[in-house]
Amino acid sequence: MARHIWVDADATPRPVRDLLFKTSARRHLAVTLVANSPISHPHTTRVASVLVGRGADEADNYIAEHAQPGDLVITQDIPLAARVVPHGVAVIQPHGRELDQDSINEALALRDFKESLRDSGVVTGGPPPFGAKQKQRFANALDRWISSQR
């Protein structure tokens, strides 16, 4: 049986949130959006939202404190993923990459390397635009997680 889905909602693309809402209704999954500002969502008993303070890591802290082993976190934030993965929480990034104990250290190292380049003035660019390919990769990763919960 699937557990709870926590969404770091401020930076999650609308198509991902919409897909989660549809999946929640179809598969009877609980979804909680955690954000610094109000995020629109369907008014159902399965979808909730939590408004946290405006601090940089407030949503991350809330999710890290409330996610339980077997839950799923949707986030682009590598440090948040690194906090929850060791506790048995699955992580999928909005573009469909699944982060686990094997991949989190590599993801952290790459993030830190890019941050050091930016700090030294090198332009590293941002993530690629979110499109149909990313949405499909996310949907596939979500389906794999749901299937693993049975």
N, C-alpha and C. Protein backbone atom coordinates (compact mmCIF):
# COMPACT_ATOMS: atom_id res chain seq x y z
N MET A 1 0.84 -1.19 0.00
CA MET A 1 0.00 0.00 0.00
C MET A 1 0.89 1.25 0.00
N ALA A 2 0.58 2.19 -0.84
CA ALA A 2 1.37 3.41 -0.97
C ALA A 2 1.22 4.27 0.28
N ARG A 3 2.25 5.00 0.56
CA ARG A 3 2.29 5.88 1.72
C ARG A 3 1.94 7.31 1.31
N HIS A 4 2.55 8.24 2.00
CA HIS A 4 2.26 9.66 1.83
C HIS A 4 3.24 10.28 0.82
N ILE A 5 2.74 11.22 0.03
CA ILE A 5 3.60 11.96 -0.91
C ILE A 5 3.71 13.40 -0.41
N TRP A 6 4.94 13.82 -0.18
CA TRP A 6 5.25 15.19 0.26
C TRP A 6 5.84 15.94 -0.92
N VAL A 7 5.34 17.15 -1.17
CA VAL A 7 5.79 17.92 -2.33
C VAL A 7 6.41 19.23 -1.86
N ASP A 8 7.66 19.43 -2.22
CA ASP A 8 8.35 20.71 -2.01
C ASP A 8 7.78 21.62 -3.11
N ALA A 9 6.64 22.21 -2.83
CA ALA A 9 5.76 22.74 -3.88
C ALA A 9 6.19 24.07 -4.49
N ASP A 10 6.97 24.88 -3.80
CA ASP A 10 7.34 26.18 -4.37
C ASP A 10 8.05 26.05 -5.71
N ALA A 11 8.90 25.03 -5.86
CA ALA A 11 9.69 24.90 -7.09
C ALA A 11 9.23 23.74 -7.97
N THR A 12 8.10 23.14 -7.64
CA THR A 12 7.62 22.01 -8.43
C THR A 12 6.75 22.53 -9.58
N PRO A 13 7.09 22.18 -10.82
CA PRO A 13 6.32 22.67 -11.97
C PRO A 13 4.85 22.27 -11.90
N ARG A 14 4.01 23.14 -12.39
CA ARG A 14 2.56 22.91 -12.39
C ARG A 14 2.17 21.57 -13.02
N PRO A 15 2.77 21.16 -14.15
CA PRO A 15 2.37 19.86 -14.72
C PRO A 15 2.64 18.69 -13.78
N VAL A 16 3.68 18.77 -12.98
CA VAL A 16 3.98 17.71 -12.01
C VAL A 16 2.91 17.71 -10.92
N ARG A 17 2.58 18.89 -10.41
CA ARG A 17 1.53 18.98 -9.38
C ARG A 17 0.21 18.44 -9.93
N ASP A 18 -0.15 18.83 -11.16
CA ASP A 18 -1.40 18.36 -11.76
C ASP A 18 -1.40 16.83 -11.89
N LEU A 19 -0.28 16.27 -12.30
CA LEU A 19 -0.18 14.82 -12.42
C LEU A 19 -0.34 14.15 -11.04
N LEU A 20 0.24 14.75 -10.02
CA LEU A 20 0.10 14.21 -8.67
C LEU A 20 -1.35 14.27 -8.20
N PHE A 21 -2.06 15.34 -8.53
CA PHE A 21 -3.48 15.46 -8.14
C PHE A 21 -4.31 14.36 -8.80
N LYS A 22 -4.08 14.14 -10.08
CA LYS A 22 -4.81 13.09 -10.81
C LYS A 22 -4.47 11.71 -10.25
N THR A 23 -3.19 11.48 -10.00
CA THR A 23 -2.76 10.19 -9.46
C THR A 23 -3.33 9.97 -8.06
N SER A 24 -3.37 11.02 -7.27
CA SER A 24 -3.92 10.93 -5.92
C SER A 24 -5.38 10.48 -5.97
N ALA A 25 -6.15 11.08 -6.86
CA ALA A 25 -7.57 10.72 -6.98
C ALA A 25 -7.74 9.29 -7.49
N ARG A 26 -6.96 8.93 -8.48
CA ARG A 26 -7.09 7.61 -9.11
C ARG A 26 -6.56 6.49 -8.21
N ARG A 27 -5.48 6.75 -7.49
CA ARG A 27 -4.83 5.70 -6.70
C ARG A 27 -5.08 5.83 -5.19
N HIS A 28 -5.87 6.83 -4.80
CA HIS A 28 -6.21 7.04 -3.39
C HIS A 28 -4.97 7.30 -2.54
N LEU A 29 -4.13 8.21 -3.01
CA LEU A 29 -2.90 8.56 -2.31
C LEU A 29 -3.03 9.91 -1.61
N ALA A 30 -2.45 10.02 -0.43
CA ALA A 30 -2.41 11.29 0.27
C ALA A 30 -1.23 12.12 -0.24
N VAL A 31 -1.50 13.37 -0.59
CA VAL A 31 -0.48 14.29 -1.09
C VAL A 31 -0.53 15.55 -0.24
N THR A 32 0.63 15.99 0.23
CA THR A 32 0.71 17.25 0.97
C THR A 32 1.69 18.17 0.27
N LEU A 33 1.21 19.35 -0.10
CA LEU A 33 2.03 20.39 -0.71
C LEU A 33 2.57 21.26 0.42
N VAL A 34 3.87 21.46 0.45
CA VAL A 34 4.49 22.29 1.47
C VAL A 34 5.15 23.45 0.75
N ALA A 35 4.77 24.70 1.14
CA ALA A 35 5.27 25.86 0.40
C ALA A 35 5.31 27.10 1.29
N ASN A 36 6.08 28.10 0.81
CA ASN A 36 6.17 29.39 1.49
C ASN A 36 5.03 30.33 1.09
N SER A 37 4.34 29.99 0.01
CA SER A 37 3.22 30.80 -0.45
C SER A 37 2.08 29.87 -0.84
N PRO A 38 0.85 30.38 -0.84
CA PRO A 38 -0.29 29.50 -1.16
C PRO A 38 -0.17 28.90 -2.56
N ILE A 39 -0.49 27.62 -2.66
CA ILE A 39 -0.46 26.89 -3.92
C ILE A 39 -1.87 26.35 -4.15
N SER A 40 -2.43 26.62 -5.33
CA SER A 40 -3.78 26.13 -5.60
C SER A 40 -3.76 24.62 -5.78
N HIS A 41 -4.81 23.99 -5.30
CA HIS A 41 -4.93 22.53 -5.40
C HIS A 41 -6.40 22.15 -5.29
N PRO A 42 -6.74 20.94 -5.73
CA PRO A 42 -8.12 20.49 -5.61
C PRO A 42 -8.51 20.36 -4.13
N HIS A 43 -9.74 20.64 -3.85
CA HIS A 43 -10.22 20.52 -2.47
C HIS A 43 -10.79 19.13 -2.27
N THR A 44 -9.90 18.21 -1.91
CA THR A 44 -10.30 16.83 -1.62
C THR A 44 -9.69 16.44 -0.29
N THR A 45 -10.15 15.33 0.25
CA THR A 45 -9.58 14.88 1.52
C THR A 45 -8.19 14.30 1.34
N ARG A 46 -7.79 14.00 0.12
CA ARG A 46 -6.48 13.38 -0.12
C ARG A 46 -5.37 14.39 -0.40
N VAL A 47 -5.73 15.62 -0.76
CA VAL A 47 -4.72 16.63 -1.07
C VAL A 47 -4.82 17.75 -0.04
N ALA A 48 -3.69 18.02 0.61
CA ALA A 48 -3.62 19.06 1.62
C ALA A 48 -2.45 19.99 1.31
N SER A 49 -2.45 21.13 1.96
CA SER A 49 -1.31 22.03 1.82
C SER A 49 -0.92 22.56 3.18
N VAL A 50 0.37 22.82 3.32
CA VAL A 50 0.92 23.39 4.54
C VAL A 50 1.68 24.64 4.13
N LEU A 51 1.32 25.75 4.74
CA LEU A 51 2.00 27.01 4.48
C LEU A 51 3.03 27.22 5.59
N VAL A 52 4.30 27.32 5.20
CA VAL A 52 5.37 27.50 6.18
C VAL A 52 5.90 28.93 6.09
N GLY A 53 6.75 29.28 7.02
CA GLY A 53 7.35 30.62 7.03
C GLY A 53 8.20 30.88 5.80
N ARG A 54 8.60 32.11 5.64
CA ARG A 54 9.33 32.53 4.43
C ARG A 54 10.83 32.21 4.44
N GLY A 55 11.35 31.60 5.46
CA GLY A 55 12.77 31.27 5.51
C GLY A 55 13.17 30.32 4.39
N ALA A 56 14.44 30.37 4.02
CA ALA A 56 14.94 29.61 2.88
C ALA A 56 14.69 28.10 2.99
N ASP A 57 14.80 27.54 4.16
CA ASP A 57 14.68 26.09 4.32
C ASP A 57 13.45 25.66 5.10
N GLU A 58 12.49 26.53 5.26
CA GLU A 58 11.32 26.20 6.07
C GLU A 58 10.53 25.01 5.50
N ALA A 59 10.29 25.01 4.21
CA ALA A 59 9.55 23.88 3.60
C ALA A 59 10.37 22.60 3.71
N ASP A 60 11.67 22.70 3.47
CA ASP A 60 12.55 21.53 3.58
C ASP A 60 12.51 20.96 5.00
N ASN A 61 12.61 21.85 5.98
CA ASN A 61 12.61 21.41 7.38
C ASN A 61 11.30 20.72 7.72
N TYR A 62 10.18 21.28 7.27
CA TYR A 62 8.88 20.68 7.56
C TYR A 62 8.80 19.27 6.96
N ILE A 63 9.18 19.16 5.70
CA ILE A 63 9.12 17.85 5.03
C ILE A 63 10.05 16.86 5.73
N ALA A 64 11.26 17.26 6.03
CA ALA A 64 12.23 16.36 6.68
C ALA A 64 11.72 15.89 8.04
N GLU A 65 11.02 16.75 8.75
CA GLU A 65 10.50 16.39 10.07
C GLU A 65 9.28 15.48 10.00
N HIS A 66 8.52 15.54 8.91
CA HIS A 66 7.26 14.81 8.84
C HIS A 66 7.28 13.56 7.94
N ALA A 67 8.19 13.48 6.99
CA ALA A 67 8.24 12.32 6.10
C ALA A 67 8.66 11.08 6.89
N GLN A 68 8.00 9.98 6.61
CA GLN A 68 8.25 8.72 7.30
C GLN A 68 8.83 7.69 6.33
N PRO A 69 9.49 6.68 6.85
CA PRO A 69 9.98 5.61 5.97
C PRO A 69 8.84 5.08 5.09
N GLY A 70 9.13 4.91 3.81
CA GLY A 70 8.11 4.45 2.86
C GLY A 70 7.39 5.57 2.15
N ASP A 71 7.51 6.80 2.66
CA ASP A 71 6.89 7.96 2.00
C ASP A 71 7.70 8.33 0.76
N LEU A 72 7.14 9.25 0.00
CA LEU A 72 7.80 9.79 -1.19
C LEU A 72 7.88 11.30 -1.07
N VAL A 73 9.04 11.86 -1.40
CA VAL A 73 9.23 13.30 -1.44
C VAL A 73 9.51 13.71 -2.88
N ILE A 74 8.80 14.73 -3.34
CA ILE A 74 9.03 15.31 -4.65
C ILE A 74 9.76 16.63 -4.42
N THR A 75 11.01 16.69 -4.86
CA THR A 75 11.80 17.91 -4.65
C THR A 75 12.94 18.00 -5.66
N GLN A 76 13.33 19.21 -5.96
CA GLN A 76 14.52 19.47 -6.76
C GLN A 76 15.72 19.68 -5.84
N ASP A 77 15.45 19.85 -4.55
CA ASP A 77 16.45 20.24 -3.57
C ASP A 77 17.30 19.03 -3.13
N ILE A 78 18.55 19.02 -3.55
CA ILE A 78 19.46 17.91 -3.24
C ILE A 78 19.72 17.79 -1.73
N PRO A 79 19.98 18.90 -1.01
CA PRO A 79 20.19 18.76 0.44
C PRO A 79 18.97 18.17 1.17
N LEU A 80 17.76 18.53 0.75
CA LEU A 80 16.57 17.92 1.35
C LEU A 80 16.57 16.42 1.07
N ALA A 81 16.84 16.05 -0.16
CA ALA A 81 16.89 14.63 -0.51
C ALA A 81 17.92 13.90 0.36
N ALA A 82 19.07 14.52 0.58
CA ALA A 82 20.12 13.91 1.38
C ALA A 82 19.69 13.74 2.84
N ARG A 83 18.78 14.58 3.29
CA ARG A 83 18.29 14.47 4.67
C ARG A 83 17.29 13.33 4.83
N VAL A 84 16.47 13.07 3.80
CA VAL A 84 15.39 12.09 3.98
C VAL A 84 15.72 10.69 3.46
N VAL A 85 16.54 10.59 2.43
CA VAL A 85 16.86 9.28 1.84
C VAL A 85 17.41 8.29 2.87
N PRO A 86 18.34 8.70 3.76
CA PRO A 86 18.87 7.73 4.73
C PRO A 86 17.81 7.18 5.70
N HIS A 87 16.65 7.82 5.75
CA HIS A 87 15.57 7.39 6.66
C HIS A 87 14.52 6.56 5.94
N GLY A 88 14.84 6.08 4.74
CA GLY A 88 13.91 5.21 4.04
C GLY A 88 12.82 5.93 3.27
N VAL A 89 13.05 7.19 2.97
CA VAL A 89 12.10 7.98 2.20
C VAL A 89 12.57 8.02 0.75
N ALA A 90 11.68 7.74 -0.18
CA ALA A 90 12.02 7.80 -1.60
C ALA A 90 11.97 9.25 -2.07
N VAL A 91 12.79 9.59 -3.06
CA VAL A 91 12.82 10.94 -3.61
C VAL A 91 12.79 10.86 -5.13
N ILE A 92 11.90 11.65 -5.71
CA ILE A 92 11.87 11.83 -7.16
C ILE A 92 11.94 13.32 -7.44
N GLN A 93 12.85 13.71 -8.31
CA GLN A 93 12.93 15.10 -8.72
C GLN A 93 11.86 15.37 -9.79
N PRO A 94 11.40 16.60 -9.93
CA PRO A 94 10.33 16.88 -10.90
C PRO A 94 10.63 16.45 -12.33
N HIS A 95 11.90 16.41 -12.72
CA HIS A 95 12.21 15.98 -14.08
C HIS A 95 12.36 14.46 -14.19
N GLY A 96 12.07 13.74 -13.09
CA GLY A 96 12.00 12.29 -13.14
C GLY A 96 13.18 11.52 -12.59
N ARG A 97 14.22 12.20 -12.15
CA ARG A 97 15.37 11.48 -11.59
C ARG A 97 15.02 10.97 -10.19
N GLU A 98 15.27 9.69 -9.98
CA GLU A 98 15.06 9.09 -8.67
C GLU A 98 16.37 9.15 -7.90
N LEU A 99 16.31 9.64 -6.68
CA LEU A 99 17.50 9.71 -5.84
C LEU A 99 17.38 8.67 -4.74
N ASP A 100 18.44 7.88 -4.59
CA ASP A 100 18.47 6.87 -3.54
C ASP A 100 19.82 6.94 -2.85
N GLN A 101 20.04 6.02 -1.94
CA GLN A 101 21.29 6.04 -1.17
C GLN A 101 22.52 5.97 -2.06
N ASP A 102 22.42 5.25 -3.19
CA ASP A 102 23.56 5.12 -4.09
C ASP A 102 23.84 6.39 -4.89
N SER A 103 22.79 7.15 -5.23
CA SER A 103 22.98 8.31 -6.11
C SER A 103 23.05 9.65 -5.37
N ILE A 104 22.68 9.68 -4.10
CA ILE A 104 22.60 10.97 -3.40
C ILE A 104 23.97 11.60 -3.19
N ASN A 105 24.99 10.81 -2.91
CA ASN A 105 26.32 11.39 -2.71
C ASN A 105 26.86 12.01 -3.99
N GLU A 106 26.63 11.34 -5.11
CA GLU A 106 27.04 11.89 -6.40
C GLU A 106 26.29 13.19 -6.68
N ALA A 107 24.98 13.21 -6.41
CA ALA A 107 24.18 14.41 -6.65
C ALA A 107 24.65 15.56 -5.77
N LEU A 108 24.97 15.28 -4.52
CA LEU A 108 25.49 16.32 -3.62
C LEU A 108 26.83 16.86 -4.11
N ALA A 109 27.72 15.98 -4.53
CA ALA A 109 29.03 16.41 -5.01
C ALA A 109 28.89 17.29 -6.26
N LEU A 110 28.02 16.90 -7.18
CA LEU A 110 27.81 17.69 -8.39
C LEU A 110 27.20 19.06 -8.05
N ARG A 111 26.24 19.07 -7.13
CA ARG A 111 25.62 20.33 -6.71
C ARG A 111 26.68 21.25 -6.09
N ASP A 112 27.51 20.71 -5.20
CA ASP A 112 28.54 21.51 -4.55
C ASP A 112 29.56 22.03 -5.56
N PHE A 113 29.92 21.19 -6.53
CA PHE A 113 30.86 21.62 -7.57
C PHE A 113 30.29 22.78 -8.38
N LYS A 114 29.04 22.66 -8.80
CA LYS A 114 28.40 23.74 -9.57
C LYS A 114 28.27 25.01 -8.74
N GLU A 115 27.97 24.85 -7.45
CA GLU A 115 27.88 26.01 -6.57
C GLU A 115 29.23 26.71 -6.45
N SER A 116 30.31 25.95 -6.36
CA SER A 116 31.64 26.56 -6.26
C SER A 116 32.00 27.28 -7.56
N LEU A 117 31.59 26.72 -8.71
CA LEU A 117 31.82 27.40 -9.99
C LEU A 117 31.05 28.72 -10.04
N ARG A 118 29.78 28.71 -9.61
CA ARG A 118 28.99 29.94 -9.61
C ARG A 118 29.60 30.97 -8.68
N ASP A 119 30.05 30.52 -7.50
CA ASP A 119 30.65 31.43 -6.54
C ASP A 119 31.93 32.07 -7.08
N SER A 120 32.62 31.38 -7.98
CA SER A 120 33.85 31.94 -8.55
C SER A 120 33.59 32.72 -9.84
N GLY A 121 32.30 32.86 -10.20
CA GLY A 121 31.95 33.68 -11.35
C GLY A 121 31.70 32.94 -12.64
N VAL A 122 31.82 31.63 -12.63
CA VAL A 122 31.56 30.85 -13.83
C VAL A 122 30.06 30.63 -13.96
N VAL A 123 29.54 30.92 -15.13
CA VAL A 123 28.11 30.73 -15.36
C VAL A 123 27.88 29.27 -15.75
N THR A 124 27.07 28.57 -14.95
CA THR A 124 26.83 27.15 -15.19
C THR A 124 25.46 26.89 -15.83
N GLY A 125 24.65 27.93 -15.94
CA GLY A 125 23.32 27.75 -16.52
C GLY A 125 22.39 27.07 -15.55
N GLY A 126 21.12 27.12 -15.87
CA GLY A 126 20.12 26.50 -15.01
C GLY A 126 19.68 25.17 -15.57
N PRO A 127 18.66 24.60 -14.95
CA PRO A 127 18.15 23.33 -15.46
C PRO A 127 17.48 23.52 -16.81
N PRO A 128 17.37 22.45 -17.59
CA PRO A 128 16.70 22.58 -18.88
C PRO A 128 15.22 22.91 -18.67
N PRO A 129 14.57 23.49 -19.67
CA PRO A 129 13.15 23.82 -19.53
C PRO A 129 12.34 22.55 -19.27
N PHE A 130 11.26 22.72 -18.51
CA PHE A 130 10.40 21.58 -18.21
C PHE A 130 9.42 21.40 -19.36
N GLY A 131 9.42 20.19 -19.92
CA GLY A 131 8.54 19.92 -21.06
C GLY A 131 7.94 18.54 -20.98
N ALA A 132 7.41 18.09 -22.10
CA ALA A 132 6.71 16.80 -22.16
C ALA A 132 7.62 15.63 -21.81
N LYS A 133 8.88 15.69 -22.24
CA LYS A 133 9.82 14.60 -21.95
C LYS A 133 10.07 14.48 -20.44
N GLN A 134 10.25 15.60 -19.77
CA GLN A 134 10.47 15.60 -18.32
C GLN A 134 9.21 15.12 -17.59
N LYS A 135 8.06 15.57 -18.06
CA LYS A 135 6.80 15.13 -17.44
C LYS A 135 6.64 13.62 -17.57
N GLN A 136 6.98 13.05 -18.72
CA GLN A 136 6.86 11.62 -18.92
C GLN A 136 7.84 10.85 -18.04
N ARG A 137 9.07 11.36 -17.92
CA ARG A 137 10.04 10.71 -17.03
C ARG A 137 9.55 10.73 -15.58
N PHE A 138 8.96 11.87 -15.18
CA PHE A 138 8.42 11.95 -13.82
C PHE A 138 7.28 10.95 -13.65
N ALA A 139 6.37 10.90 -14.60
CA ALA A 139 5.23 9.97 -14.52
C ALA A 139 5.71 8.53 -14.42
N ASN A 140 6.72 8.17 -15.19
CA ASN A 140 7.27 6.82 -15.15
C ASN A 140 7.88 6.51 -13.78
N ALA A 141 8.63 7.46 -13.23
CA ALA A 141 9.25 7.27 -11.92
C ALA A 141 8.17 7.15 -10.84
N LEU A 142 7.13 7.96 -10.93
CA LEU A 142 6.03 7.89 -9.97
C LEU A 142 5.33 6.53 -10.05
N ASP A 143 5.10 6.05 -11.25
CA ASP A 143 4.48 4.72 -11.43
C ASP A 143 5.35 3.62 -10.82
N ARG A 144 6.67 3.73 -10.99
CA ARG A 144 7.57 2.73 -10.40
C ARG A 144 7.47 2.74 -8.87
N TRP A 145 7.40 3.95 -8.30
CA TRP A 145 7.30 4.06 -6.84
C TRP A 145 5.97 3.45 -6.37
N ILE A 146 4.89 3.79 -7.04
CA ILE A 146 3.58 3.25 -6.66
C ILE A 146 3.59 1.73 -6.74
N SER A 147 4.13 1.19 -7.81
CA SER A 147 4.20 -0.27 -7.98
C SER A 147 5.04 -0.92 -6.88
N SER A 148 6.06 -0.25 -6.43
CA SER A 148 6.93 -0.82 -5.39
C SER A 148 6.26 -0.85 -4.03
N GLN A 149 5.15 -0.15 -3.87
CA GLN A 149 4.46 -0.07 -2.59
C GLN A 149 3.50 -1.22 -2.35
N ARG A 150 3.30 -2.04 -3.35
CA ARG A 150 2.33 -3.14 -3.21
C ARG A 150 2.91 -4.30 -2.47
